[in-house]
Amino acid sequence: VISWEDKDCNNPNNRGILYFMQGGLHFQSNSAEYVKEIMDPLLSNPAFRRCVETGKLRMIWSGITSQSRHMDDIYPWQSRENTKKFNDEVIEFLRVRAEKENIMNYIYLLDWQALTQDSMPNGIHQLSDVNLAKAAHFLELAQLIK
C-alpha cells in the first residue's frame, strides 16, 4: 500500500506514478470485501484523484492467477472458478466506476488466469518461465502507457 499523502502530482517536476495492484487472496476471493476495503478507498482518495486529474497516474490492476487443481480442497476460495468470479466482479466494478468518473484512460487491466492455468507445481506459485512471461508482459504494457 502506498502513502498518497506525500504524492504531489501538482508539482511540475513530478514525473508521475505507475501504480500496480493485485488482489484477492487475502480476502479469500471475496470481491465485495476487496472493493470495500481496498479499491473504493483508493479510488476515492483525494491525492489519488489529483494524480488522475493531472494525468500523472496510470494504474494497472491484475486479478488473481490460477492455482493448481490439487489445492482446491485445501484452498477452495482460490479455485479457478472462484478466482475467475472474483476477477470478473472486480473488473466490472472498475469498468463501471471508471466510466462513471471518466478515468478509464488511466486504468489498465491484466488477466493472467489463462496464462497461469496448469503452470503451478504447488498452489499459486508459478514456474519461472511463467513469471518471466508475466514480467515481460508487464514491462511491455508499462512502455506502451503514456
Protein backbone atom coordinates (compact mmCIF):
# COMPACT_ATOMS: atom_id res chain seq x y z
CA VAL A 1 0.00 0.00 0.00
CA ILE A 2 1.29 3.42 -0.95
CA SER A 3 1.03 6.57 1.16
CA TRP A 4 -0.76 9.04 -1.09
CA GLU A 5 -0.45 11.99 1.26
CA ASP A 6 3.15 12.72 0.20
CA LYS A 7 2.42 12.45 -3.54
CA ASP A 8 2.25 15.91 -5.11
CA CYS A 9 1.03 15.45 -8.66
CA ASN A 10 0.51 19.21 -9.00
CA ASN A 11 4.29 19.63 -8.90
CA PRO A 12 5.54 20.06 -12.49
CA ASN A 13 8.71 18.12 -11.59
CA ASN A 14 6.70 15.06 -10.62
CA ARG A 15 7.10 12.57 -13.47
CA GLY A 16 4.05 10.60 -12.49
CA ILE A 17 3.18 7.26 -10.95
CA LEU A 18 2.72 3.82 -12.45
CA TYR A 19 0.73 2.00 -9.77
CA PHE A 20 0.43 -1.80 -9.94
CA MET A 21 -2.26 -3.53 -7.92
CA GLN A 22 -3.12 -7.16 -7.50
CA GLY A 23 -5.59 -8.55 -5.12
CA GLY A 24 -7.98 -11.08 -3.79
CA LEU A 25 -6.23 -13.88 -1.96
CA HIS A 26 -6.10 -12.02 1.38
CA PHE A 27 -9.85 -11.50 1.04
CA GLN A 28 -10.47 -15.16 0.19
CA SER A 29 -11.67 -14.19 -3.30
CA ASN A 30 -14.48 -12.05 -1.86
CA SER A 31 -14.75 -9.22 -4.37
CA ALA A 32 -17.25 -7.18 -2.32
CA GLU A 33 -14.89 -7.13 0.66
CA TYR A 34 -11.87 -6.35 -1.55
CA VAL A 35 -13.69 -3.45 -3.24
CA LYS A 36 -14.90 -2.11 0.12
CA GLU A 37 -11.53 -2.36 1.88
CA ILE A 38 -9.08 -1.63 -0.95
CA MET A 39 -10.47 -0.37 -4.25
CA ASP A 40 -13.14 2.08 -3.13
CA PRO A 41 -10.90 3.88 -0.59
CA LEU A 42 -8.11 4.08 -3.17
CA LEU A 43 -10.28 5.47 -5.96
CA SER A 44 -11.84 7.95 -3.50
CA ASN A 45 -8.53 9.16 -2.04
CA PRO A 46 -8.11 12.90 -2.77
CA ALA A 47 -4.39 12.58 -3.57
CA PHE A 48 -5.07 9.65 -5.90
CA ARG A 49 -7.81 11.70 -7.57
CA ARG A 50 -5.47 14.69 -8.03
CA CYS A 51 -2.88 12.45 -9.68
CA VAL A 52 -5.55 11.08 -12.04
CA GLU A 53 -6.92 14.56 -12.80
CA THR A 54 -3.45 15.90 -13.63
CA GLY A 55 -2.82 12.89 -15.89
CA LYS A 56 0.17 11.78 -13.83
CA LEU A 57 -1.14 8.42 -12.73
CA ARG A 58 -1.61 5.15 -14.56
CA MET A 59 -2.90 2.14 -12.64
CA ILE A 60 -2.52 -1.48 -13.69
CA TRP A 61 -4.75 -3.98 -11.92
CA SER A 62 -4.03 -7.69 -12.13
CA GLY A 63 -6.51 -10.27 -10.98
CA ILE A 64 -5.82 -13.45 -9.10
CA THR A 65 -3.96 -16.10 -11.07
CA SER A 66 -4.91 -19.76 -11.26
CA GLN A 67 -3.96 -22.32 -8.67
CA SER A 68 -3.14 -25.96 -9.11
CA ARG A 69 -6.29 -28.13 -9.13
CA HIS A 70 -4.88 -30.42 -6.45
CA MET A 71 -5.05 -27.47 -4.00
CA ASP A 72 -8.78 -26.80 -4.49
CA ASP A 73 -9.81 -28.93 -1.49
CA ILE A 74 -7.35 -27.10 0.79
CA TYR A 75 -7.98 -23.56 -0.55
CA PRO A 76 -11.43 -23.63 -2.15
CA TRP A 77 -11.63 -19.82 -2.40
CA GLN A 78 -8.60 -19.97 -4.72
CA SER A 79 -10.19 -22.43 -7.15
CA ARG A 80 -10.21 -21.36 -10.79
CA GLU A 81 -13.95 -20.86 -10.68
CA ASN A 82 -13.79 -18.63 -7.59
CA THR A 83 -10.84 -16.60 -8.81
CA LYS A 84 -12.47 -16.11 -12.21
CA LYS A 85 -15.64 -14.90 -10.48
CA PHE A 86 -13.56 -12.55 -8.30
CA ASN A 87 -11.64 -11.18 -11.29
CA ASP A 88 -14.79 -10.69 -13.34
CA GLU A 89 -16.54 -8.85 -10.49
CA VAL A 90 -13.61 -6.52 -9.76
CA ILE A 91 -13.15 -5.80 -13.48
CA GLU A 92 -16.85 -4.93 -13.73
CA PHE A 93 -16.58 -2.66 -10.67
CA LEU A 94 -13.57 -0.90 -12.19
CA ARG A 95 -15.24 -0.59 -15.58
CA VAL A 96 -18.41 0.95 -14.16
CA ARG A 97 -16.56 3.25 -11.75
CA ALA A 98 -14.02 4.34 -14.35
CA GLU A 99 -16.70 5.10 -16.94
CA LYS A 100 -18.80 6.98 -14.38
CA GLU A 101 -15.84 9.09 -13.27
CA ASN A 102 -14.28 9.38 -16.72
CA ILE A 103 -10.99 7.80 -15.66
CA MET A 104 -10.97 4.75 -17.95
CA ASN A 105 -7.91 6.07 -19.81
CA TYR A 106 -5.89 5.76 -16.60
CA ILE A 107 -6.73 2.19 -15.59
CA TYR A 108 -5.38 -0.92 -17.34
CA LEU A 109 -6.49 -4.46 -16.58
CA LEU A 110 -4.38 -7.61 -16.79
CA ASP A 111 -5.89 -11.06 -16.52
CA TRP A 112 -3.21 -13.72 -16.34
CA GLN A 113 -5.53 -16.53 -15.32
CA ALA A 114 -5.29 -18.38 -18.64
CA LEU A 115 -1.52 -17.85 -18.74
CA THR A 116 -1.08 -19.38 -15.30
CA GLN A 117 -3.52 -22.26 -15.69
CA ASP A 118 -1.73 -25.61 -15.34
CA SER A 119 1.57 -23.87 -14.59
CA MET A 120 1.87 -24.38 -10.84
CA PRO A 121 3.76 -27.18 -9.21
CA ASN A 122 2.20 -26.20 -5.86
CA GLY A 123 -0.69 -23.88 -5.14
CA ILE A 124 -0.31 -20.45 -6.75
CA HIS A 125 3.47 -20.31 -7.10
CA GLN A 126 4.24 -20.31 -10.80
CA LEU A 127 7.18 -21.82 -12.56
CA SER A 128 10.00 -19.43 -13.55
CA ASP A 129 9.05 -19.32 -17.22
CA VAL A 130 5.54 -18.12 -16.32
CA ASN A 131 6.93 -15.44 -14.01
CA LEU A 132 9.29 -14.30 -16.78
CA ALA A 133 6.39 -14.13 -19.25
CA LYS A 134 4.34 -12.10 -16.75
CA ALA A 135 7.27 -9.72 -16.18
CA ALA A 136 7.79 -9.26 -19.93
CA HIS A 137 4.06 -8.64 -20.42
CA PHE A 138 4.01 -6.07 -17.59
CA LEU A 139 7.11 -4.25 -18.88
CA GLU A 140 5.70 -4.12 -22.41
CA LEU A 141 2.44 -2.66 -21.11
CA ALA A 142 4.34 -0.15 -18.96
CA GLN A 143 6.25 1.06 -22.03
CA LEU A 144 3.04 1.45 -24.05
CA ILE A 145 1.32 3.55 -21.38
CA LYS A 146 1.73 7.26 -21.98
